[in-house]
Amino acid sequence: MFTDSLGVRLNGGGTTMQIGSGVATASITTNFSQGDLANNSSPTAAGIQGSGFFVAKSSSGQQVYTRAGDFVIDRDGFLVTPDGSQIQGYPAVGASIPSGGTLSQSGSPSGRRRHQWPRAN
């Protein structure tokens, strides 16, 4: 929402004219409603249906949240957001995530435990 920073009303010659000299933010509203899920040819694209967020770690080490799933694999093998934040997750054992797991980045620059992501054709 925007609001006028300054408004001036000029009267003269039988007409009235409103002149504004800019706008300022009046309020910020966050919209977490469900967007459309679309097919994508990228093997690293993901979507969330319903409530929830992807958890990422920014380059400054801060935990951040996003609903955008336009991920890529960086040169070090990490799954990242377009701004380079590393996607976090819990390691799965088989097809389940054990309780008490530790949230960590996906991939490993040392190569000790590297997740294999499918390659696009």
PDB file of N, CA and C in Angstrom:
ATOM      1  N   MET A   1       0.836  -1.160   0.000  1.00  0.00           N
ATOM      2  CA  MET A   1       0.000   0.000   0.000  1.00  0.00           C
ATOM      3  C   MET A   1       0.888   1.233   0.000  1.00  0.00           C
ATOM      4  N   PHE A   2       0.471   2.227  -0.750  1.00  0.00           N
ATOM      5  CA  PHE A   2       1.223   3.472  -0.831  1.00  0.00           C
ATOM      6  C   PHE A   2       0.362   4.634  -0.368  1.00  0.00           C
ATOM      7  N   THR A   3       0.987   5.681   0.075  1.00  0.00           N
ATOM      8  CA  THR A   3       0.297   6.885   0.497  1.00  0.00           C
ATOM      9  C   THR A   3       1.077   8.084  -0.025  1.00  0.00           C
ATOM     10  N   ASP A   4       0.402   9.195  -0.242  1.00  0.00           N
ATOM     11  CA  ASP A   4       1.075  10.405  -0.699  1.00  0.00           C
ATOM     12  C   ASP A   4       2.010  10.923   0.380  1.00  0.00           C
ATOM     13  N   SER A   5       3.216  11.347  -0.047  1.00  0.00           N
ATOM     14  CA  SER A   5       4.143  11.969   0.888  1.00  0.00           C
ATOM     15  C   SER A   5       3.729  13.404   1.149  1.00  0.00           C
ATOM     16  N   LEU A   6       3.306  14.076   0.110  1.00  0.00           N
ATOM     17  CA  LEU A   6       2.930  15.476   0.220  1.00  0.00           C
ATOM     18  C   LEU A   6       1.926  15.765  -0.875  1.00  0.00           C
ATOM     19  N   GLY A   7       0.856  16.408  -0.537  1.00  0.00           N
ATOM     20  CA  GLY A   7      -0.135  16.790  -1.530  1.00  0.00           C
ATOM     21  C   GLY A   7      -0.487  18.254  -1.390  1.00  0.00           C
ATOM     22  N   VAL A   8      -0.674  18.889  -2.517  1.00  0.00           N
ATOM     23  CA  VAL A   8      -1.007  20.313  -2.536  1.00  0.00           C
ATOM     24  C   VAL A   8      -2.242  20.480  -3.419  1.00  0.00           C
ATOM     25  N   ARG A   9      -3.197  21.251  -2.950  1.00  0.00           N
ATOM     26  CA  ARG A   9      -4.405  21.536  -3.727  1.00  0.00           C
ATOM     27  C   ARG A   9      -4.328  22.990  -4.182  1.00  0.00           C
ATOM     28  N   LEU A  10      -4.356  23.176  -5.496  1.00  0.00           N
ATOM     29  CA  LEU A  10      -4.281  24.515  -6.071  1.00  0.00           C
ATOM     30  C   LEU A  10      -5.653  24.931  -6.572  1.00  0.00           C
ATOM     31  N   ASN A  11      -6.083  26.119  -6.205  1.00  0.00           N
ATOM     32  CA  ASN A  11      -7.342  26.679  -6.689  1.00  0.00           C
ATOM     33  C   ASN A  11      -7.020  27.900  -7.535  1.00  0.00           C
ATOM     34  N   GLY A  12      -7.657  27.982  -8.671  1.00  0.00           N
ATOM     35  CA  GLY A  12      -7.445  29.171  -9.496  1.00  0.00           C
ATOM     36  C   GLY A  12      -8.158  29.046 -10.824  1.00  0.00           C
ATOM     37  N   GLY A  13      -8.688  30.133 -11.282  1.00  0.00           N
ATOM     38  CA  GLY A  13      -9.356  30.164 -12.574  1.00  0.00           C
ATOM     39  C   GLY A  13     -10.567  29.257 -12.651  1.00  0.00           C
ATOM     40  N   GLY A  14     -11.218  29.004 -11.526  1.00  0.00           N
ATOM     41  CA  GLY A  14     -12.424  28.176 -11.540  1.00  0.00           C
ATOM     42  C   GLY A  14     -12.142  26.685 -11.512  1.00  0.00           C
ATOM     43  N   THR A  15     -10.893  26.287 -11.485  1.00  0.00           N
ATOM     44  CA  THR A  15     -10.568  24.855 -11.429  1.00  0.00           C
ATOM     45  C   THR A  15      -9.735  24.558 -10.192  1.00  0.00           C
ATOM     46  N   THR A  16      -9.851  23.335  -9.724  1.00  0.00           N
ATOM     47  CA  THR A  16      -9.048  22.874  -8.597  1.00  0.00           C
ATOM     48  C   THR A  16      -8.156  21.746  -9.101  1.00  0.00           C
ATOM     49  N   MET A  17      -6.883  21.829  -8.757  1.00  0.00           N
ATOM     50  CA  MET A  17      -5.930  20.812  -9.203  1.00  0.00           C
ATOM     51  C   MET A  17      -5.175  20.264  -7.997  1.00  0.00           C
ATOM     52  N   GLN A  18      -5.113  18.943  -7.901  1.00  0.00           N
ATOM     53  CA  GLN A  18      -4.351  18.274  -6.835  1.00  0.00           C
ATOM     54  C   GLN A  18      -2.984  17.918  -7.397  1.00  0.00           C
ATOM     55  N   ILE A  19      -1.941  18.324  -6.714  1.00  0.00           N
ATOM     56  CA  ILE A  19      -0.583  18.006  -7.134  1.00  0.00           C
ATOM     57  C   ILE A  19       0.103  17.269  -5.999  1.00  0.00           C
ATOM     58  N   GLY A  20       0.597  16.079  -6.271  1.00  0.00           N
ATOM     59  CA  GLY A  20       1.337  15.309  -5.279  1.00  0.00           C
ATOM     60  C   GLY A  20       2.812  15.335  -5.621  1.00  0.00           C
ATOM     61  N   SER A  21       3.637  15.160  -4.636  1.00  0.00           N
ATOM     62  CA  SER A  21       5.071  15.188  -4.909  1.00  0.00           C
ATOM     63  C   SER A  21       5.754  13.900  -4.460  1.00  0.00           C
ATOM     64  N   GLY A  22       5.073  12.776  -4.597  1.00  0.00           N
ATOM     65  CA  GLY A  22       5.709  11.496  -4.298  1.00  0.00           C
ATOM     66  C   GLY A  22       4.840  10.589  -3.468  1.00  0.00           C
ATOM     67  N   VAL A  23       5.350   9.391  -3.254  1.00  0.00           N
ATOM     68  CA  VAL A  23       4.646   8.395  -2.453  1.00  0.00           C
ATOM     69  C   VAL A  23       5.611   7.781  -1.451  1.00  0.00           C
ATOM     70  N   ALA A  24       5.040   7.183  -0.434  1.00  0.00           N
ATOM     71  CA  ALA A  24       5.816   6.452   0.570  1.00  0.00           C
ATOM     72  C   ALA A  24       5.067   5.174   0.906  1.00  0.00           C
ATOM     73  N   THR A  25       5.748   4.204   1.441  1.00  0.00           N
ATOM     74  CA  THR A  25       5.110   2.961   1.839  1.00  0.00           C
ATOM     75  C   THR A  25       4.236   3.207   3.062  1.00  0.00           C
ATOM     76  N   ALA A  26       2.953   2.865   2.946  1.00  0.00           N
ATOM     77  CA  ALA A  26       2.038   3.018   4.072  1.00  0.00           C
ATOM     78  C   ALA A  26       1.999   1.744   4.904  1.00  0.00           C
ATOM     79  N   SER A  27       2.100   0.585   4.236  1.00  0.00           N
ATOM     80  CA  SER A  27       2.117  -0.683   4.951  1.00  0.00           C
ATOM     81  C   SER A  27       2.686  -1.761   4.040  1.00  0.00           C
ATOM     82  N   ILE A  28       3.152  -2.841   4.640  1.00  0.00           N
ATOM     83  CA  ILE A  28       3.657  -3.991   3.904  1.00  0.00           C
ATOM     84  C   ILE A  28       2.823  -5.181   4.326  1.00  0.00           C
ATOM     85  N   THR A  29       2.311  -5.909   3.351  1.00  0.00           N
ATOM     86  CA  THR A  29       1.502  -7.084   3.615  1.00  0.00           C
ATOM     87  C   THR A  29       2.186  -8.299   3.007  1.00  0.00           C
ATOM     88  N   THR A  30       2.300  -9.373   3.771  1.00  0.00           N
ATOM     89  CA  THR A  30       2.893 -10.609   3.279  1.00  0.00           C
ATOM     90  C   THR A  30       1.787 -11.538   2.818  1.00  0.00           C
ATOM     91  N   ASN A  31       1.972 -12.142   1.652  1.00  0.00           N
ATOM     92  CA  ASN A  31       0.990 -13.045   1.087  1.00  0.00           C
ATOM     93  C   ASN A  31       1.593 -14.440   1.023  1.00  0.00           C
ATOM     94  N   PHE A  32       1.109 -15.357   1.858  1.00  0.00           N
ATOM     95  CA  PHE A  32       1.590 -16.726   1.857  1.00  0.00           C
ATOM     96  C   PHE A  32       0.570 -17.683   1.241  1.00  0.00           C
ATOM     97  N   SER A  33      -0.311 -17.173   0.400  1.00  0.00           N
ATOM     98  CA  SER A  33      -1.328 -18.037  -0.205  1.00  0.00           C
ATOM     99  C   SER A  33      -0.686 -18.971  -1.234  1.00  0.00           C
ATOM    100  N   GLN A  34      -1.350 -20.076  -1.494  1.00  0.00           N
ATOM    101  CA  GLN A  34      -0.863 -21.084  -2.435  1.00  0.00           C
ATOM    102  C   GLN A  34      -0.810 -20.516  -3.843  1.00  0.00           C
ATOM    103  N   GLY A  35       0.326 -20.620  -4.475  1.00  0.00           N
ATOM    104  CA  GLY A  35       0.460 -20.228  -5.879  1.00  0.00           C
ATOM    105  C   GLY A  35       0.255 -21.437  -6.767  1.00  0.00           C
ATOM    106  N   ASP A  36       0.302 -21.219  -8.064  1.00  0.00           N
ATOM    107  CA  ASP A  36       0.160 -22.313  -9.020  1.00  0.00           C
ATOM    108  C   ASP A  36       1.447 -23.114  -9.079  1.00  0.00           C
ATOM    109  N   LEU A  37       1.324 -24.436  -9.108  1.00  0.00           N
ATOM    110  CA  LEU A  37       2.469 -25.306  -9.330  1.00  0.00           C
ATOM    111  C   LEU A  37       2.526 -25.585 -10.824  1.00  0.00           C
ATOM    112  N   ALA A  38       3.696 -25.448 -11.405  1.00  0.00           N
ATOM    113  CA  ALA A  38       3.842 -25.629 -12.848  1.00  0.00           C
ATOM    114  C   ALA A  38       4.918 -26.670 -13.123  1.00  0.00           C
ATOM    115  N   ASN A  39       4.729 -27.436 -14.191  1.00  0.00           N
ATOM    116  CA  ASN A  39       5.752 -28.376 -14.617  1.00  0.00           C
ATOM    117  C   ASN A  39       6.976 -27.602 -15.056  1.00  0.00           C
ATOM    118  N   ASN A  40       8.136 -28.186 -14.803  1.00  0.00           N
ATOM    119  CA  ASN A  40       9.385 -27.523 -15.107  1.00  0.00           C
ATOM    120  C   ASN A  40      10.368 -28.584 -15.566  1.00  0.00           C
ATOM    121  N   SER A  41      11.195 -28.285 -16.535  1.00  0.00           N
ATOM    122  CA  SER A  41      12.161 -29.265 -17.038  1.00  0.00           C
ATOM    123  C   SER A  41      13.417 -29.347 -16.183  1.00  0.00           C
ATOM    124  N   SER A  42      13.564 -28.463 -15.204  1.00  0.00           N
ATOM    125  CA  SER A  42      14.751 -28.480 -14.354  1.00  0.00           C
ATOM    126  C   SER A  42      14.640 -29.585 -13.306  1.00  0.00           C
ATOM    127  N   PRO A  43      15.651 -30.442 -13.184  1.00  0.00           N
ATOM    128  CA  PRO A  43      15.594 -31.505 -12.178  1.00  0.00           C
ATOM    129  C   PRO A  43      15.760 -30.990 -10.747  1.00  0.00           C
ATOM    130  N   THR A  44      16.144 -29.717 -10.589  1.00  0.00           N
ATOM    131  CA  THR A  44      16.326 -29.170  -9.244  1.00  0.00           C
ATOM    132  C   THR A  44      15.195 -28.236  -8.834  1.00  0.00           C
ATOM    133  N   ALA A  45      14.181 -28.095  -9.670  1.00  0.00           N
ATOM    134  CA  ALA A  45      13.023 -27.260  -9.322  1.00  0.00           C
ATOM    135  C   ALA A  45      12.140 -28.026  -8.340  1.00  0.00           C
ATOM    136  N   ALA A  46      11.603 -27.319  -7.359  1.00  0.00           N
ATOM    137  CA  ALA A  46      10.754 -27.946  -6.353  1.00  0.00           C
ATOM    138  C   ALA A  46       9.600 -27.011  -6.032  1.00  0.00           C
ATOM    139  N   GLY A  47       8.528 -27.565  -5.498  1.00  0.00           N
ATOM    140  CA  GLY A  47       7.376 -26.762  -5.111  1.00  0.00           C
ATOM    141  C   GLY A  47       6.811 -27.262  -3.797  1.00  0.00           C
ATOM    142  N   ILE A  48       6.115 -26.377  -3.118  1.00  0.00           N
ATOM    143  CA  ILE A  48       5.455 -26.736  -1.863  1.00  0.00           C
ATOM    144  C   ILE A  48       3.962 -26.574  -2.074  1.00  0.00           C
ATOM    145  N   GLN A  49       3.229 -27.630  -1.812  1.00  0.00           N
ATOM    146  CA  GLN A  49       1.776 -27.553  -1.876  1.00  0.00           C
ATOM    147  C   GLN A  49       1.272 -27.561  -0.443  1.00  0.00           C
ATOM    148  N   GLY A  50       0.515 -26.519  -0.085  1.00  0.00           N
ATOM    149  CA  GLY A  50       0.072 -26.371   1.291  1.00  0.00           C
ATOM    150  C   GLY A  50       1.008 -25.448   2.045  1.00  0.00           C
ATOM    151  N   SER A  51       1.010 -25.558   3.363  1.00  0.00           N
ATOM    152  CA  SER A  51       1.845 -24.663   4.164  1.00  0.00           C
ATOM    153  C   SER A  51       3.260 -25.212   4.272  1.00  0.00           C
ATOM    154  N   GLY A  52       4.206 -24.336   4.511  1.00  0.00           N
ATOM    155  CA  GLY A  52       5.594 -24.746   4.699  1.00  0.00           C
ATOM    156  C   GLY A  52       6.555 -23.866   3.936  1.00  0.00           C
ATOM    157  N   PHE A  53       7.827 -24.028   4.226  1.00  0.00           N
ATOM    158  CA  PHE A  53       8.895 -23.253   3.609  1.00  0.00           C
ATOM    159  C   PHE A  53      10.099 -24.140   3.372  1.00  0.00           C
ATOM    160  N   PHE A  54      10.911 -23.772   2.395  1.00  0.00           N
ATOM    161  CA  PHE A  54      12.235 -24.347   2.249  1.00  0.00           C
ATOM    162  C   PHE A  54      13.138 -23.573   3.203  1.00  0.00           C
ATOM    163  N   VAL A  55      14.050 -24.269   3.856  1.00  0.00           N
ATOM    164  CA  VAL A  55      14.989 -23.631   4.780  1.00  0.00           C
ATOM    165  C   VAL A  55      16.331 -23.532   4.064  1.00  0.00           C
ATOM    166  N   ALA A  56      16.952 -22.358   4.144  1.00  0.00           N
ATOM    167  CA  ALA A  56      18.247 -22.147   3.504  1.00  0.00           C
ATOM    168  C   ALA A  56      19.168 -21.412   4.470  1.00  0.00           C
ATOM    169  N   LYS A  57      20.463 -21.459   4.175  1.00  0.00           N
ATOM    170  CA  LYS A  57      21.446 -20.723   4.964  1.00  0.00           C
ATOM    171  C   LYS A  57      22.108 -19.715   4.037  1.00  0.00           C
ATOM    172  N   SER A  58      22.004 -18.432   4.387  1.00  0.00           N
ATOM    173  CA  SER A  58      22.571 -17.367   3.557  1.00  0.00           C
ATOM    174  C   SER A  58      24.093 -17.372   3.654  1.00  0.00           C
ATOM    175  N   SER A  59      24.748 -16.605   2.801  1.00  0.00           N
ATOM    176  CA  SER A  59      26.213 -16.537   2.808  1.00  0.00           C
ATOM    177  C   SER A  59      26.751 -15.975   4.128  1.00  0.00           C
ATOM    178  N   SER A  60      25.903 -15.225   4.857  1.00  0.00           N
ATOM    179  CA  SER A  60      26.326 -14.696   6.159  1.00  0.00           C
ATOM    180  C   SER A  60      26.042 -15.682   7.296  1.00  0.00           C
ATOM    181  N   GLY A  61      25.493 -16.862   6.957  1.00  0.00           N
ATOM    182  CA  GLY A  61      25.221 -17.883   7.966  1.00  0.00           C
ATOM    183  C   GLY A  61      23.850 -17.783   8.602  1.00  0.00           C
ATOM    184  N   GLN A  62      23.030 -16.834   8.146  1.00  0.00           N
ATOM    185  CA  GLN A  62      21.694 -16.652   8.706  1.00  0.00           C
ATOM    186  C   GLN A  62      20.725 -17.671   8.102  1.00  0.00           C
ATOM    187  N   GLN A  63      19.850 -18.243   8.941  1.00  0.00           N
ATOM    188  CA  GLN A  63      18.820 -19.152   8.459  1.00  0.00           C
ATOM    189  C   GLN A  63      17.708 -18.315   7.837  1.00  0.00           C
ATOM    190  N   VAL A  64      17.353 -18.627   6.593  1.00  0.00           N
ATOM    191  CA  VAL A  64      16.316 -17.899   5.873  1.00  0.00           C
ATOM    192  C   VAL A  64      15.294 -18.888   5.334  1.00  0.00           C
ATOM    193  N   TYR A  65      14.126 -18.397   4.989  1.00  0.00           N
ATOM    194  CA  TYR A  65      13.030 -19.235   4.519  1.00  0.00           C
ATOM    195  C   TYR A  65      12.521 -18.716   3.187  1.00  0.00           C
ATOM    196  N   THR A  66      12.104 -19.637   2.310  1.00  0.00           N
ATOM    197  CA  THR A  66      11.558 -19.259   1.014  1.00  0.00           C
ATOM    198  C   THR A  66      10.517 -20.272   0.582  1.00  0.00           C
ATOM    199  N   ARG A  67       9.586 -19.832  -0.235  1.00  0.00           N
ATOM    200  CA  ARG A  67       8.638 -20.734  -0.878  1.00  0.00           C
ATOM    201  C   ARG A  67       8.978 -20.904  -2.350  1.00  0.00           C
ATOM    202  N   ALA A  68       9.936 -20.125  -2.846  1.00  0.00           N
ATOM    203  CA  ALA A  68      10.358 -20.237  -4.244  1.00  0.00           C
ATOM    204  C   ALA A  68      11.265 -21.458  -4.382  1.00  0.00           C
ATOM    205  N   GLY A  69      11.007 -22.283  -5.367  1.00  0.00           N
ATOM    206  CA  GLY A  69      11.759 -23.520  -5.533  1.00  0.00           C
ATOM    207  C   GLY A  69      12.634 -23.546  -6.776  1.00  0.00           C
ATOM    208  N   ASP A  70      13.091 -22.394  -7.234  1.00  0.00           N
ATOM    209  CA  ASP A  70      13.925 -22.331  -8.439  1.00  0.00           C
ATOM    210  C   ASP A  70      15.395 -22.529  -8.076  1.00  0.00           C
ATOM    211  N   PHE A  71      15.728 -23.755  -7.648  1.00  0.00           N
ATOM    212  CA  PHE A  71      17.055 -24.066  -7.152  1.00  0.00           C
ATOM    213  C   PHE A  71      17.992 -24.460  -8.282  1.00  0.00           C
ATOM    214  N   VAL A  72      19.286 -24.317  -8.026  1.00  0.00           N
ATOM    215  CA  VAL A  72      20.331 -24.767  -8.949  1.00  0.00           C
ATOM    216  C   VAL A  72      21.422 -25.428  -8.120  1.00  0.00           C
ATOM    217  N   ILE A  73      22.317 -26.124  -8.779  1.00  0.00           N
ATOM    218  CA  ILE A  73      23.465 -26.710  -8.101  1.00  0.00           C
ATOM    219  C   ILE A  73      24.652 -25.804  -8.372  1.00  0.00           C
ATOM    220  N   ASP A  74      25.311 -25.357  -7.301  1.00  0.00           N
ATOM    221  CA  ASP A  74      26.451 -24.453  -7.482  1.00  0.00           C
ATOM    222  C   ASP A  74      27.711 -25.242  -7.838  1.00  0.00           C
ATOM    223  N   ARG A  75      28.800 -24.555  -8.081  1.00  0.00           N
ATOM    224  CA  ARG A  75      30.036 -25.204  -8.534  1.00  0.00           C
ATOM    225  C   ARG A  75      30.639 -26.113  -7.467  1.00  0.00           C
ATOM    226  N   ASP A  76      30.221 -25.955  -6.203  1.00  0.00           N
ATOM    227  CA  ASP A  76      30.703 -26.822  -5.132  1.00  0.00           C
ATOM    228  C   ASP A  76      29.791 -28.012  -4.879  1.00  0.00           C
ATOM    229  N   GLY A  77      28.702 -28.129  -5.651  1.00  0.00           N
ATOM    230  CA  GLY A  77      27.790 -29.256  -5.516  1.00  0.00           C
ATOM    231  C   GLY A  77      26.647 -29.045  -4.552  1.00  0.00           C
ATOM    232  N   PHE A  78      26.465 -27.816  -4.057  1.00  0.00           N
ATOM    233  CA  PHE A  78      25.363 -27.535  -3.138  1.00  0.00           C
ATOM    234  C   PHE A  78      24.112 -27.139  -3.903  1.00  0.00           C
ATOM    235  N   LEU A  79      22.969 -27.542  -3.404  1.00  0.00           N
ATOM    236  CA  LEU A  79      21.692 -27.084  -3.932  1.00  0.00           C
ATOM    237  C   LEU A  79      21.442 -25.706  -3.336  1.00  0.00           C
ATOM    238  N   VAL A  80      21.278 -24.675  -4.191  1.00  0.00           N
ATOM    239  CA  VAL A  80      21.201 -23.296  -3.720  1.00  0.00           C
ATOM    240  C   VAL A  80      20.048 -22.544  -4.371  1.00  0.00           C
ATOM    241  N   THR A  81      19.663 -21.458  -3.723  1.00  0.00           N
ATOM    242  CA  THR A  81      18.686 -20.521  -4.282  1.00  0.00           C
ATOM    243  C   THR A  81      19.413 -19.639  -5.299  1.00  0.00           C
ATOM    244  N   PRO A  82      18.682 -18.863  -6.106  1.00  0.00           N
ATOM    245  CA  PRO A  82      19.348 -17.992  -7.077  1.00  0.00           C
ATOM    246  C   PRO A  82      20.340 -17.009  -6.461  1.00  0.00           C
ATOM    247  N   ASP A  83      20.151 -16.626  -5.179  1.00  0.00           N
ATOM    248  CA  ASP A  83      21.109 -15.704  -4.547  1.00  0.00           C
ATOM    249  C   ASP A  83      22.259 -16.439  -3.852  1.00  0.00           C
ATOM    250  N   GLY A  84      22.314 -17.768  -3.979  1.00  0.00           N
ATOM    251  CA  GLY A  84      23.427 -18.541  -3.432  1.00  0.00           C
ATOM    252  C   GLY A  84      23.219 -19.106  -2.048  1.00  0.00           C
ATOM    253  N   SER A  85      22.053 -18.906  -1.443  1.00  0.00           N
ATOM    254  CA  SER A  85      21.780 -19.486  -0.119  1.00  0.00           C
ATOM    255  C   SER A  85      21.663 -21.002  -0.257  1.00  0.00           C
ATOM    256  N   GLN A  86      22.335 -21.742   0.627  1.00  0.00           N
ATOM    257  CA  GLN A  86      22.344 -23.199   0.558  1.00  0.00           C
ATOM    258  C   GLN A  86      21.076 -23.778   1.166  1.00  0.00           C
ATOM    259  N   ILE A  87      20.405 -24.643   0.407  1.00  0.00           N
ATOM    260  CA  ILE A  87      19.194 -25.306   0.896  1.00  0.00           C
ATOM    261  C   ILE A  87      19.592 -26.284   1.994  1.00  0.00           C
ATOM    262  N   GLN A  88      18.840 -26.281   3.072  1.00  0.00           N
ATOM    263  CA  GLN A  88      19.085 -27.128   4.235  1.00  0.00           C
ATOM    264  C   GLN A  88      18.090 -28.281   4.221  1.00  0.00           C
ATOM    265  N   GLY A  89      18.429 -29.365   4.863  1.00  0.00           N
ATOM    266  CA  GLY A  89      17.524 -30.495   4.954  1.00  0.00           C
ATOM    267  C   GLY A  89      17.999 -31.477   6.002  1.00  0.00           C
ATOM    268  N   TYR A  90      17.171 -32.460   6.284  1.00  0.00           N
ATOM    269  CA  TYR A  90      17.518 -33.526   7.219  1.00  0.00           C
ATOM    270  C   TYR A  90      17.923 -34.748   6.399  1.00  0.00           C
ATOM    271  N   PRO A  91      19.039 -35.378   6.741  1.00  0.00           N
ATOM    272  CA  PRO A  91      19.451 -36.559   5.989  1.00  0.00           C
ATOM    273  C   PRO A  91      18.463 -37.704   6.183  1.00  0.00           C
ATOM    274  N   ALA A  92      18.105 -38.344   5.094  1.00  0.00           N
ATOM    275  CA  ALA A  92      17.168 -39.461   5.142  1.00  0.00           C
ATOM    276  C   ALA A  92      17.933 -40.775   5.242  1.00  0.00           C
ATOM    277  N   VAL A  93      17.345 -41.717   5.939  1.00  0.00           N
ATOM    278  CA  VAL A  93      17.866 -43.076   6.007  1.00  0.00           C
ATOM    279  C   VAL A  93      16.823 -43.934   5.316  1.00  0.00           C
ATOM    280  N   GLY A  94      17.177 -44.478   4.172  1.00  0.00           N
ATOM    281  CA  GLY A  94      16.184 -45.168   3.358  1.00  0.00           C
ATOM    282  C   GLY A  94      15.192 -44.139   2.848  1.00  0.00           C
ATOM    283  N   ALA A  95      13.934 -44.333   3.125  1.00  0.00           N
ATOM    284  CA  ALA A  95      12.900 -43.393   2.675  1.00  0.00           C
ATOM    285  C   ALA A  95      12.313 -42.597   3.825  1.00  0.00           C
ATOM    286  N   SER A  96      12.990 -42.580   4.987  1.00  0.00           N
ATOM    287  CA  SER A  96      12.442 -41.851   6.128  1.00  0.00           C
ATOM    288  C   SER A  96      13.508 -40.973   6.769  1.00  0.00           C
ATOM    289  N   ILE A  97      13.045 -39.969   7.489  1.00  0.00           N
ATOM    290  CA  ILE A  97      13.925 -39.063   8.212  1.00  0.00           C
ATOM    291  C   ILE A  97      13.833 -39.419   9.685  1.00  0.00           C
ATOM    292  N   PRO A  98      14.924 -39.895  10.283  1.00  0.00           N
ATOM    293  CA  PRO A  98      14.869 -40.277  11.698  1.00  0.00           C
ATOM    294  C   PRO A  98      14.677 -39.068  12.602  1.00  0.00           C
ATOM    295  N   SER A  99      14.018 -39.267  13.720  1.00  0.00           N
ATOM    296  CA  SER A  99      13.821 -38.167  14.664  1.00  0.00           C
ATOM    297  C   SER A  99      15.160 -37.769  15.267  1.00  0.00           C
ATOM    298  N   GLY A 100      15.282 -36.494  15.627  1.00  0.00           N
ATOM    299  CA  GLY A 100      16.512 -36.005  16.227  1.00  0.00           C
ATOM    300  C   GLY A 100      17.603 -35.697  15.216  1.00  0.00           C
ATOM    301  N   GLY A 101      17.259 -35.685  13.923  1.00  0.00           N
ATOM    302  CA  GLY A 101      18.253 -35.374  12.901  1.00  0.00           C
ATOM    303  C   GLY A 101      18.701 -33.929  12.983  1.00  0.00           C
ATOM    304  N   THR A 102      19.857 -33.641  12.408  1.00  0.00           N
ATOM    305  CA  THR A 102      20.412 -32.295  12.402  1.00  0.00           C
ATOM    306  C   THR A 102      20.224 -31.667  11.035  1.00  0.00           C
ATOM    307  N   LEU A 103      19.694 -30.461  11.018  1.00  0.00           N
ATOM    308  CA  LEU A 103      19.504 -29.725   9.778  1.00  0.00           C
ATOM    309  C   LEU A 103      20.867 -29.367   9.210  1.00  0.00           C
ATOM    310  N   SER A 104      21.107 -29.691   7.924  1.00  0.00           N
ATOM    311  CA  SER A 104      22.394 -29.396   7.307  1.00  0.00           C
ATOM    312  C   SER A 104      22.201 -29.072   5.833  1.00  0.00           C
ATOM    313  N   GLN A 105      23.264 -28.549   5.201  1.00  0.00           N
ATOM    314  CA  GLN A 105      23.177 -28.208   3.784  1.00  0.00           C
ATOM    315  C   GLN A 105      23.165 -29.481   2.951  1.00  0.00           C
ATOM    316  N   SER A 106      22.656 -29.354   1.735  1.00  0.00           N
ATOM    317  CA  SER A 106      22.611 -30.492   0.824  1.00  0.00           C
ATOM    318  C   SER A 106      23.865 -30.463  -0.033  1.00  0.00           C
ATOM    319  N   GLY A 107      24.679 -31.503   0.044  1.00  0.00           N
ATOM    320  CA  GLY A 107      25.928 -31.557  -0.699  1.00  0.00           C
ATOM    321  C   GLY A 107      27.093 -31.369   0.242  1.00  0.00           C
ATOM    322  N   SER A 108      28.284 -31.497  -0.279  1.00  0.00           N
ATOM    323  CA  SER A 108      29.477 -31.321   0.547  1.00  0.00           C
ATOM    324  C   SER A 108      30.635 -30.923  -0.342  1.00  0.00           C
ATOM    325  N   PRO A 109      31.240 -29.760  -0.086  1.00  0.00           N
ATOM    326  CA  PRO A 109      32.346 -29.361  -0.938  1.00  0.00           C
ATOM    327  C   PRO A 109      33.565 -30.274  -0.807  1.00  0.00           C
ATOM    328  N   SER A 110      33.685 -31.004   0.289  1.00  0.00           N
ATOM    329  CA  SER A 110      34.834 -31.885   0.458  1.00  0.00           C
ATOM    330  C   SER A 110      34.664 -33.182  -0.310  1.00  0.00           C
ATOM    331  N   GLY A 111      33.419 -33.487  -0.734  1.00  0.00           N
ATOM    332  CA  GLY A 111      33.164 -34.709  -1.483  1.00  0.00           C
ATOM    333  C   GLY A 111      32.962 -35.930  -0.601  1.00  0.00           C
ATOM    334  N   ARG A 112      33.094 -35.797   0.723  1.00  0.00           N
ATOM    335  CA  ARG A 112      32.922 -36.949   1.616  1.00  0.00           C
ATOM    336  C   ARG A 112      31.505 -37.499   1.543  1.00  0.00           C
ATOM    337  N   ARG A 113      30.527 -36.630   1.515  1.00  0.00           N
ATOM    338  CA  ARG A 113      29.134 -37.054   1.474  1.00  0.00           C
ATOM    339  C   ARG A 113      28.411 -36.132   0.517  1.00  0.00           C
ATOM    340  N   ARG A 114      28.415 -36.460  -0.713  1.00  0.00           N
ATOM    341  CA  ARG A 114      27.875 -35.601  -1.748  1.00  0.00           C
ATOM    342  C   ARG A 114      26.583 -36.199  -2.267  1.00  0.00           C
ATOM    343  N   HIS A 115      25.542 -35.416  -2.290  1.00  0.00           N
ATOM    344  CA  HIS A 115      24.264 -35.875  -2.820  1.00  0.00           C
ATOM    345  C   HIS A 115      24.349 -35.880  -4.337  1.00  0.00           C
ATOM    346  N   GLN A 116      23.888 -36.936  -4.950  1.00  0.00           N
ATOM    347  CA  GLN A 116      23.897 -37.020  -6.403  1.00  0.00           C
ATOM    348  C   GLN A 116      22.580 -36.493  -6.953  1.00  0.00           C
ATOM    349  N   TRP A 117      22.635 -35.356  -7.617  1.00  0.00           N
ATOM    350  CA  TRP A 117      21.444 -34.763  -8.223  1.00  0.00           C
ATOM    351  C   TRP A 117      21.358 -35.202  -9.672  1.00  0.00           C
ATOM    352  N   PRO A 118      20.166 -35.446 -10.176  1.00  0.00           N
ATOM    353  CA  PRO A 118      20.044 -35.836 -11.584  1.00  0.00           C
ATOM    354  C   PRO A 118      20.486 -34.688 -12.490  1.00  0.00           C
ATOM    355  N   ARG A 119      21.049 -35.016 -13.600  1.00  0.00           N
ATOM    356  CA  ARG A 119      21.508 -34.024 -14.577  1.00  0.00           C
ATOM    357  C   ARG A 119      20.415 -33.768 -15.602  1.00  0.00           C
ATOM    358  N   ALA A 120      20.272 -32.508 -16.015  1.00  0.00           N
ATOM    359  CA  ALA A 120      19.322 -32.172 -17.072  1.00  0.00           C
ATOM    360  C   ALA A 120      19.885 -32.636 -18.413  1.00  0.00           C
ATOM    361  N   ASN A 121      19.036 -33.102 -19.292  1.00  0.00           N
ATOM    362  CA  ASN A 121      19.481 -33.538 -20.624  1.00  0.00           C
ATOM    363  C   ASN A 121      19.681 -32.391 -21.545  1.00  0.00           C
TER     364      ASN A 121
END
